[in-house]
Amino acid sequence: NVYIRQIIHDLMTSGRLPKQPQRYTITPGREV
């Protein structure tokens, strides 16, 4: 899970994967 979260951040930063904003979350600005 730690490696997957790093990979998903890398893919989103490079624009290869769309961000996944969460409507309901206790973490403001969550994009995964």
PDB file of all heavy atoms in Angstrom:
ATOM      1  N   ASN A   1       0.820  -1.216   0.000  1.00  0.00           N
ATOM      2  CA  ASN A   1       0.000   0.000   0.000  1.00  0.00           C
ATOM      3  C   ASN A   1       0.854   1.266   0.000  1.00  0.00           C
ATOM      4  O   ASN A   1       0.506   2.265  -0.633  1.00  0.00           O
ATOM      5  CB  ASN A   1      -0.986   0.006   1.170  1.00  0.00           C
ATOM      6  CG  ASN A   1      -0.299  -0.067   2.517  1.00  0.00           C
ATOM      7  OD1 ASN A   1       0.830  -0.542   2.626  1.00  0.00           O
ATOM      8  ND2 ASN A   1      -0.958   0.387   3.554  1.00  0.00           N
ATOM      9  N   VAL A   2       2.001   1.223   0.687  1.00  0.00           N
ATOM     10  CA  VAL A   2       2.904   2.386   0.721  1.00  0.00           C
ATOM     11  C   VAL A   2       3.476   2.644  -0.672  1.00  0.00           C
ATOM     12  O   VAL A   2       3.499   3.785  -1.156  1.00  0.00           O
ATOM     13  CB  VAL A   2       4.040   2.159   1.736  1.00  0.00           C
ATOM     14  CG1 VAL A   2       5.058   3.296   1.675  1.00  0.00           C
ATOM     15  CG2 VAL A   2       3.473   2.020   3.141  1.00  0.00           C
ATOM     16  N   TYR A   3       3.930   1.583  -1.339  1.00  0.00           N
ATOM     17  CA  TYR A   3       4.507   1.737  -2.676  1.00  0.00           C
ATOM     18  C   TYR A   3       3.452   2.183  -3.689  1.00  0.00           C
ATOM     19  O   TYR A   3       3.729   3.036  -4.539  1.00  0.00           O
ATOM     20  CB  TYR A   3       5.158   0.422  -3.131  1.00  0.00           C
ATOM     21  CG  TYR A   3       6.255  -0.044  -2.204  1.00  0.00           C
ATOM     22  CD1 TYR A   3       6.191  -1.282  -1.586  1.00  0.00           C
ATOM     23  CD2 TYR A   3       7.354   0.761  -1.930  1.00  0.00           C
ATOM     24  CE1 TYR A   3       7.190  -1.703  -0.718  1.00  0.00           C
ATOM     25  CE2 TYR A   3       8.362   0.343  -1.062  1.00  0.00           C
ATOM     26  CZ  TYR A   3       8.268  -0.892  -0.455  1.00  0.00           C
ATOM     27  OH  TYR A   3       9.247  -1.309   0.402  1.00  0.00           O
ATOM     28  N   ILE A   4       2.255   1.630  -3.592  1.00  0.00           N
ATOM     29  CA  ILE A   4       1.185   2.005  -4.527  1.00  0.00           C
ATOM     30  C   ILE A   4       0.846   3.490  -4.369  1.00  0.00           C
ATOM     31  O   ILE A   4       0.642   4.203  -5.358  1.00  0.00           O
ATOM     32  CB  ILE A   4      -0.075   1.136  -4.311  1.00  0.00           C
ATOM     33  CG1 ILE A   4       0.200  -0.321  -4.681  1.00  0.00           C
ATOM     34  CG2 ILE A   4      -1.247   1.678  -5.129  1.00  0.00           C
ATOM     35  CD1 ILE A   4       0.525  -0.554  -6.130  1.00  0.00           C
ATOM     36  N   ARG A   5       0.802   3.965  -3.143  1.00  0.00           N
ATOM     37  CA  ARG A   5       0.480   5.384  -2.928  1.00  0.00           C
ATOM     38  C   ARG A   5       1.582   6.288  -3.503  1.00  0.00           C
ATOM     39  O   ARG A   5       1.293   7.351  -4.043  1.00  0.00           O
ATOM     40  CB  ARG A   5       0.245   5.668  -1.449  1.00  0.00           C
ATOM     41  CG  ARG A   5      -1.076   5.074  -0.975  1.00  0.00           C
ATOM     42  CD  ARG A   5      -1.532   5.584   0.367  1.00  0.00           C
ATOM     43  NE  ARG A   5      -2.829   4.999   0.694  1.00  0.00           N
ATOM     44  CZ  ARG A   5      -3.992   5.479   0.303  1.00  0.00           C
ATOM     45  NH1 ARG A   5      -4.040   6.561  -0.442  1.00  0.00           N
ATOM     46  NH2 ARG A   5      -5.123   4.891   0.649  1.00  0.00           N
ATOM     47  N   GLN A   6       2.840   5.851  -3.396  1.00  0.00           N
ATOM     48  CA  GLN A   6       3.925   6.631  -3.991  1.00  0.00           C
ATOM     49  C   GLN A   6       3.809   6.644  -5.518  1.00  0.00           C
ATOM     50  O   GLN A   6       3.966   7.676  -6.166  1.00  0.00           O
ATOM     51  CB  GLN A   6       5.288   6.046  -3.576  1.00  0.00           C
ATOM     52  CG  GLN A   6       6.476   6.817  -4.155  1.00  0.00           C
ATOM     53  CD  GLN A   6       6.489   8.277  -3.729  1.00  0.00           C
ATOM     54  OE1 GLN A   6       6.484   8.572  -2.547  1.00  0.00           O
ATOM     55  NE2 GLN A   6       6.485   9.196  -4.697  1.00  0.00           N
ATOM     56  N   ILE A   7       3.506   5.470  -6.078  1.00  0.00           N
ATOM     57  CA  ILE A   7       3.377   5.362  -7.530  1.00  0.00           C
ATOM     58  C   ILE A   7       2.214   6.216  -8.036  1.00  0.00           C
ATOM     59  O   ILE A   7       2.334   6.911  -9.046  1.00  0.00           O
ATOM     60  CB  ILE A   7       3.198   3.883  -7.951  1.00  0.00           C
ATOM     61  CG1 ILE A   7       4.497   3.107  -7.678  1.00  0.00           C
ATOM     62  CG2 ILE A   7       2.819   3.771  -9.426  1.00  0.00           C
ATOM     63  CD1 ILE A   7       4.351   1.596  -7.772  1.00  0.00           C
ATOM     64  N   ILE A   8       1.075   6.175  -7.330  1.00  0.00           N
ATOM     65  CA  ILE A   8      -0.081   6.951  -7.785  1.00  0.00           C
ATOM     66  C   ILE A   8       0.210   8.452  -7.723  1.00  0.00           C
ATOM     67  O   ILE A   8      -0.178   9.209  -8.616  1.00  0.00           O
ATOM     68  CB  ILE A   8      -1.366   6.580  -7.001  1.00  0.00           C
ATOM     69  CG1 ILE A   8      -2.610   7.043  -7.765  1.00  0.00           C
ATOM     70  CG2 ILE A   8      -1.390   7.167  -5.618  1.00  0.00           C
ATOM     71  CD1 ILE A   8      -3.914   6.525  -7.198  1.00  0.00           C
ATOM     72  N   HIS A   9       0.946   8.903  -6.713  1.00  0.00           N
ATOM     73  CA  HIS A   9       1.335  10.316  -6.637  1.00  0.00           C
ATOM     74  C   HIS A   9       2.260  10.681  -7.790  1.00  0.00           C
ATOM     75  O   HIS A   9       2.108  11.745  -8.404  1.00  0.00           O
ATOM     76  CB  HIS A   9       2.001  10.614  -5.289  1.00  0.00           C
ATOM     77  CG  HIS A   9       1.027  10.832  -4.173  1.00  0.00           C
ATOM     78  ND1 HIS A   9       0.159  11.902  -4.132  1.00  0.00           N
ATOM     79  CD2 HIS A   9       0.778  10.098  -3.055  1.00  0.00           C
ATOM     80  CE1 HIS A   9      -0.589  11.827  -3.037  1.00  0.00           C
ATOM     81  NE2 HIS A   9      -0.244  10.733  -2.378  1.00  0.00           N
ATOM     82  N   ASP A  10       3.213   9.782  -8.106  1.00  0.00           N
ATOM     83  CA  ASP A  10       4.130  10.027  -9.235  1.00  0.00           C
ATOM     84  C   ASP A  10       3.352  10.128 -10.547  1.00  0.00           C
ATOM     85  O   ASP A  10       3.622  11.009 -11.373  1.00  0.00           O
ATOM     86  CB  ASP A  10       5.163   8.897  -9.342  1.00  0.00           C
ATOM     87  CG  ASP A  10       6.153   8.897  -8.180  1.00  0.00           C
ATOM     88  OD1 ASP A  10       6.184   9.889  -7.417  1.00  0.00           O
ATOM     89  OD2 ASP A  10       6.887   7.896  -8.030  1.00  0.00           O
ATOM     90  N   LEU A  11       2.371   9.235 -10.751  1.00  0.00           N
ATOM     91  CA  LEU A  11       1.586   9.234 -11.989  1.00  0.00           C
ATOM     92  C   LEU A  11       0.709  10.475 -12.095  1.00  0.00           C
ATOM     93  O   LEU A  11       0.535  11.037 -13.183  1.00  0.00           O
ATOM     94  CB  LEU A  11       0.733   7.967 -12.076  1.00  0.00           C
ATOM     95  CG  LEU A  11       1.487   6.643 -12.256  1.00  0.00           C
ATOM     96  CD1 LEU A  11       0.525   5.464 -12.189  1.00  0.00           C
ATOM     97  CD2 LEU A  11       2.260   6.630 -13.566  1.00  0.00           C
ATOM     98  N   MET A  12       0.142  10.905 -10.966  1.00  0.00           N
ATOM     99  CA  MET A  12      -0.686  12.112 -10.988  1.00  0.00           C
ATOM    100  C   MET A  12       0.155  13.358 -11.220  1.00  0.00           C
ATOM    101  O   MET A  12      -0.241  14.261 -11.962  1.00  0.00           O
ATOM    102  CB  MET A  12      -1.469  12.225  -9.674  1.00  0.00           C
ATOM    103  CG  MET A  12      -2.601  11.235  -9.554  1.00  0.00           C
ATOM    104  SD  MET A  12      -3.461  11.378  -7.965  1.00  0.00           S
ATOM    105  CE  MET A  12      -4.774  10.173  -8.203  1.00  0.00           C
ATOM    106  N   THR A  13       1.332  13.402 -10.608  1.00  0.00           N
ATOM    107  CA  THR A  13       2.220  14.557 -10.771  1.00  0.00           C
ATOM    108  C   THR A  13       2.658  14.706 -12.222  1.00  0.00           C
ATOM    109  O   THR A  13       2.743  15.817 -12.757  1.00  0.00           O
ATOM    110  CB  THR A  13       3.459  14.413  -9.858  1.00  0.00           C
ATOM    111  OG1 THR A  13       3.022  14.337  -8.497  1.00  0.00           O
ATOM    112  CG2 THR A  13       4.396  15.599 -10.005  1.00  0.00           C
ATOM    113  N   SER A  14       2.900  13.568 -12.887  1.00  0.00           N
ATOM    114  CA  SER A  14       3.338  13.597 -14.287  1.00  0.00           C
ATOM    115  C   SER A  14       2.162  13.746 -15.259  1.00  0.00           C
ATOM    116  O   SER A  14       2.371  13.851 -16.468  1.00  0.00           O
ATOM    117  CB  SER A  14       4.125  12.324 -14.624  1.00  0.00           C
ATOM    118  OG  SER A  14       3.283  11.182 -14.550  1.00  0.00           O
ATOM    119  N   GLY A  15       0.933  13.729 -14.744  1.00  0.00           N
ATOM    120  CA  GLY A  15      -0.253  13.898 -15.585  1.00  0.00           C
ATOM    121  C   GLY A  15      -0.709  12.631 -16.287  1.00  0.00           C
ATOM    122  O   GLY A  15      -1.624  12.676 -17.115  1.00  0.00           O
ATOM    123  N   ARG A  16      -0.121  11.509 -15.953  1.00  0.00           N
ATOM    124  CA  ARG A  16      -0.500  10.258 -16.612  1.00  0.00           C
ATOM    125  C   ARG A  16      -1.778   9.669 -16.025  1.00  0.00           C
ATOM    126  O   ARG A  16      -2.460   8.881 -16.676  1.00  0.00           O
ATOM    127  CB  ARG A  16       0.643   9.236 -16.493  1.00  0.00           C
ATOM    128  CG  ARG A  16       1.891   9.645 -17.244  1.00  0.00           C
ATOM    129  CD  ARG A  16       3.024   8.677 -17.024  1.00  0.00           C
ATOM    130  NE  ARG A  16       2.741   7.386 -17.625  1.00  0.00           N
ATOM    131  CZ  ARG A  16       3.476   6.300 -17.424  1.00  0.00           C
ATOM    132  NH1 ARG A  16       4.531   6.352 -16.629  1.00  0.00           N
ATOM    133  NH2 ARG A  16       3.156   5.159 -18.003  1.00  0.00           N
ATOM    134  N   LEU A  17      -2.099  10.037 -14.800  1.00  0.00           N
ATOM    135  CA  LEU A  17      -3.294   9.523 -14.135  1.00  0.00           C
ATOM    136  C   LEU A  17      -4.095  10.707 -13.597  1.00  0.00           C
ATOM    137  O   LEU A  17      -3.524  11.579 -12.926  1.00  0.00           O
ATOM    138  CB  LEU A  17      -2.885   8.593 -12.987  1.00  0.00           C
ATOM    139  CG  LEU A  17      -3.968   7.698 -12.394  1.00  0.00           C
ATOM    140  CD1 LEU A  17      -4.440   6.666 -13.413  1.00  0.00           C
ATOM    141  CD2 LEU A  17      -3.427   6.975 -11.159  1.00  0.00           C
ATOM    142  N   PRO A  18      -5.413  10.764 -13.875  1.00  0.00           N
ATOM    143  CA  PRO A  18      -6.228  11.873 -13.351  1.00  0.00           C
ATOM    144  C   PRO A  18      -6.265  11.854 -11.822  1.00  0.00           C
ATOM    145  O   PRO A  18      -6.216  10.794 -11.205  1.00  0.00           O
ATOM    146  CB  PRO A  18      -7.622  11.592 -13.925  1.00  0.00           C
ATOM    147  CG  PRO A  18      -7.427  10.616 -15.031  1.00  0.00           C
ATOM    148  CD  PRO A  18      -6.200   9.829 -14.692  1.00  0.00           C
ATOM    149  N   LYS A  19      -6.369  13.028 -11.235  1.00  0.00           N
ATOM    150  CA  LYS A  19      -6.501  13.113  -9.784  1.00  0.00           C
ATOM    151  C   LYS A  19      -7.875  12.594  -9.374  1.00  0.00           C
ATOM    152  O   LYS A  19      -8.815  12.576 -10.169  1.00  0.00           O
ATOM    153  CB  LYS A  19      -6.267  14.541  -9.318  1.00  0.00           C
ATOM    154  CG  LYS A  19      -4.816  14.959  -9.526  1.00  0.00           C
ATOM    155  CD  LYS A  19      -4.519  16.340  -9.023  1.00  0.00           C
ATOM    156  CE  LYS A  19      -3.041  16.649  -9.236  1.00  0.00           C
ATOM    157  NZ  LYS A  19      -2.678  18.008  -8.815  1.00  0.00           N
ATOM    158  N   GLN A  20      -7.986  12.158  -8.130  1.00  0.00           N
ATOM    159  CA  GLN A  20      -9.204  11.524  -7.627  1.00  0.00           C
ATOM    160  C   GLN A  20      -9.722  12.291  -6.408  1.00  0.00           C
ATOM    161  O   GLN A  20      -9.687  11.795  -5.285  1.00  0.00           O
ATOM    162  CB  GLN A  20      -8.912  10.065  -7.254  1.00  0.00           C
ATOM    163  CG  GLN A  20      -8.352   9.253  -8.409  1.00  0.00           C
ATOM    164  CD  GLN A  20      -7.798   7.908  -7.975  1.00  0.00           C
ATOM    165  OE1 GLN A  20      -7.620   7.636  -6.784  1.00  0.00           O
ATOM    166  NE2 GLN A  20      -7.527   7.038  -8.932  1.00  0.00           N
ATOM    167  N   PRO A  21     -10.179  13.524  -6.618  1.00  0.00           N
ATOM    168  CA  PRO A  21     -10.622  14.333  -5.476  1.00  0.00           C
ATOM    169  C   PRO A  21     -11.776  13.662  -4.737  1.00  0.00           C
ATOM    170  O   PRO A  21     -12.679  13.106  -5.353  1.00  0.00           O
ATOM    171  CB  PRO A  21     -11.056  15.657  -6.106  1.00  0.00           C
ATOM    172  CG  PRO A  21     -11.313  15.324  -7.547  1.00  0.00           C
ATOM    173  CD  PRO A  21     -10.389  14.200  -7.896  1.00  0.00           C
ATOM    174  N   GLN A  22     -11.720  13.719  -3.420  1.00  0.00           N
ATOM    175  CA  GLN A  22     -12.736  13.094  -2.582  1.00  0.00           C
ATOM    176  C   GLN A  22     -13.695  14.146  -2.045  1.00  0.00           C
ATOM    177  O   GLN A  22     -13.273  15.144  -1.451  1.00  0.00           O
ATOM    178  CB  GLN A  22     -12.061  12.348  -1.424  1.00  0.00           C
ATOM    179  CG  GLN A  22     -11.114  11.239  -1.869  1.00  0.00           C
ATOM    180  CD  GLN A  22     -11.823  10.174  -2.673  1.00  0.00           C
ATOM    181  OE1 GLN A  22     -12.642   9.438  -2.160  1.00  0.00           O
ATOM    182  NE2 GLN A  22     -11.509  10.097  -3.963  1.00  0.00           N
ATOM    183  N   ARG A  23     -14.971  13.903  -2.272  1.00  0.00           N
ATOM    184  CA  ARG A  23     -15.986  14.858  -1.834  1.00  0.00           C
ATOM    185  C   ARG A  23     -16.156  14.829  -0.321  1.00  0.00           C
ATOM    186  O   ARG A  23     -16.359  15.860   0.321  1.00  0.00           O
ATOM    187  CB  ARG A  23     -17.304  14.526  -2.526  1.00  0.00           C
ATOM    188  CG  ARG A  23     -18.385  15.551  -2.311  1.00  0.00           C
ATOM    189  CD  ARG A  23     -19.573  15.279  -3.210  1.00  0.00           C
ATOM    190  NE  ARG A  23     -20.587  16.296  -3.070  1.00  0.00           N
ATOM    191  CZ  ARG A  23     -21.723  16.292  -3.736  1.00  0.00           C
ATOM    192  NH1 ARG A  23     -21.982  15.335  -4.603  1.00  0.00           N
ATOM    193  NH2 ARG A  23     -22.619  17.245  -3.556  1.00  0.00           N
ATOM    194  N   TYR A  24     -16.094  13.627   0.249  1.00  0.00           N
ATOM    195  CA  TYR A  24     -16.260  13.477   1.689  1.00  0.00           C
ATOM    196  C   TYR A  24     -14.979  12.890   2.264  1.00  0.00           C
ATOM    197  O   TYR A  24     -14.603  11.763   1.938  1.00  0.00           O
ATOM    198  CB  TYR A  24     -17.449  12.568   2.007  1.00  0.00           C
ATOM    199  CG  TYR A  24     -18.741  13.076   1.393  1.00  0.00           C
ATOM    200  CD1 TYR A  24     -19.292  12.452   0.274  1.00  0.00           C
ATOM    201  CD2 TYR A  24     -19.386  14.197   1.924  1.00  0.00           C
ATOM    202  CE1 TYR A  24     -20.460  12.923  -0.297  1.00  0.00           C
ATOM    203  CE2 TYR A  24     -20.559  14.667   1.350  1.00  0.00           C
ATOM    204  CZ  TYR A  24     -21.090  14.029   0.245  1.00  0.00           C
ATOM    205  OH  TYR A  24     -22.247  14.503  -0.320  1.00  0.00           O
ATOM    206  N   THR A  25     -14.293  13.659   3.083  1.00  0.00           N
ATOM    207  CA  THR A  25     -13.022  13.211   3.633  1.00  0.00           C
ATOM    208  C   THR A  25     -12.658  14.024   4.865  1.00  0.00           C
ATOM    209  O   THR A  25     -13.081  15.186   4.996  1.00  0.00           O
ATOM    210  CB  THR A  25     -11.895  13.346   2.576  1.00  0.00           C
ATOM    211  OG1 THR A  25     -10.635  13.012   3.174  1.00  0.00           O
ATOM    212  CG2 THR A  25     -11.808  14.757   2.007  1.00  0.00           C
ATOM    213  N   ILE A  26     -11.897  13.428   5.768  1.00  0.00           N
ATOM    214  CA  ILE A  26     -11.397  14.162   6.928  1.00  0.00           C
ATOM    215  C   ILE A  26     -10.033  14.785   6.620  1.00  0.00           C
ATOM    216  O   ILE A  26      -9.454  15.450   7.468  1.00  0.00           O
ATOM    217  CB  ILE A  26     -11.284  13.244   8.175  1.00  0.00           C
ATOM    218  CG1 ILE A  26     -10.322  12.089   7.908  1.00  0.00           C
ATOM    219  CG2 ILE A  26     -12.654  12.743   8.592  1.00  0.00           C
ATOM    220  CD1 ILE A  26     -10.010  11.270   9.164  1.00  0.00           C
ATOM    221  N   THR A  27      -9.546  14.559   5.381  1.00  0.00           N
ATOM    222  CA  THR A  27      -8.253  15.107   4.964  1.00  0.00           C
ATOM    223  C   THR A  27      -8.495  16.157   3.881  1.00  0.00           C
ATOM    224  O   THR A  27      -8.742  15.811   2.721  1.00  0.00           O
ATOM    225  CB  THR A  27      -7.338  13.991   4.403  1.00  0.00           C
ATOM    226  OG1 THR A  27      -7.281  12.928   5.337  1.00  0.00           O
ATOM    227  CG2 THR A  27      -5.942  14.526   4.128  1.00  0.00           C
ATOM    228  N   PRO A  28      -8.454  17.440   4.224  1.00  0.00           N
ATOM    229  CA  PRO A  28      -8.715  18.503   3.237  1.00  0.00           C
ATOM    230  C   PRO A  28      -7.760  18.401   2.048  1.00  0.00           C
ATOM    231  O   PRO A  28      -6.562  18.148   2.214  1.00  0.00           O
ATOM    232  CB  PRO A  28      -8.469  19.794   4.037  1.00  0.00           C
ATOM    233  CG  PRO A  28      -8.642  19.396   5.471  1.00  0.00           C
ATOM    234  CD  PRO A  28      -8.171  17.982   5.563  1.00  0.00           C
ATOM    235  N   GLY A  29      -8.307  18.587   0.852  1.00  0.00           N
ATOM    236  CA  GLY A  29      -7.477  18.573  -0.351  1.00  0.00           C
ATOM    237  C   GLY A  29      -7.033  17.191  -0.794  1.00  0.00           C
ATOM    238  O   GLY A  29      -6.145  17.074  -1.642  1.00  0.00           O
ATOM    239  N   ARG A  30      -7.649  16.153  -0.270  1.00  0.00           N
ATOM    240  CA  ARG A  30      -7.252  14.792  -0.643  1.00  0.00           C
ATOM    241  C   ARG A  30      -7.524  14.545  -2.129  1.00  0.00           C
ATOM    242  O   ARG A  30      -8.622  14.771  -2.612  1.00  0.00           O
ATOM    243  CB  ARG A  30      -8.024  13.791   0.214  1.00  0.00           C
ATOM    244  CG  ARG A  30      -7.680  12.342  -0.075  1.00  0.00           C
ATOM    245  CD  ARG A  30      -8.432  11.418   0.847  1.00  0.00           C
ATOM    246  NE  ARG A  30      -8.330  10.039   0.386  1.00  0.00           N
ATOM    247  CZ  ARG A  30      -8.984   9.026   0.946  1.00  0.00           C
ATOM    248  NH1 ARG A  30      -9.760   9.234   1.988  1.00  0.00           N
ATOM    249  NH2 ARG A  30      -8.855   7.814   0.477  1.00  0.00           N
ATOM    250  N   GLU A  31      -6.497  14.072  -2.832  1.00  0.00           N
ATOM    251  CA  GLU A  31      -6.601  13.871  -4.279  1.00  0.00           C
ATOM    252  C   GLU A  31      -6.432  12.420  -4.698  1.00  0.00           C
ATOM    253  O   GLU A  31      -6.388  12.116  -5.890  1.00  0.00           O
ATOM    254  CB  GLU A  31      -5.557  14.728  -4.997  1.00  0.00           C
ATOM    255  CG  GLU A  31      -5.793  16.217  -4.824  1.00  0.00           C
ATOM    256  CD  GLU A  31      -4.764  17.065  -5.532  1.00  0.00           C
ATOM    257  OE1 GLU A  31      -3.596  16.630  -5.609  1.00  0.00           O
ATOM    258  OE2 GLU A  31      -5.135  18.156  -6.003  1.00  0.00           O
ATOM    259  N   VAL A  32      -6.344  11.522  -3.726  1.00  0.00           N
ATOM    260  CA  VAL A  32      -6.222  10.089  -4.015  1.00  0.00           C
ATOM    261  C   VAL A  32      -7.417   9.377  -3.408  1.00  0.00           C
ATOM    262  O   VAL A  32      -7.736   9.565  -2.232  1.00  0.00           O
ATOM    263  CB  VAL A  32      -4.908   9.512  -3.451  1.00  0.00           C
ATOM    264  CG1 VAL A  32      -4.845   8.009  -3.681  1.00  0.00           C
ATOM    265  CG2 VAL A  32      -3.707  10.183  -4.105  1.00  0.00           C
TER     266      VAL A  32
END
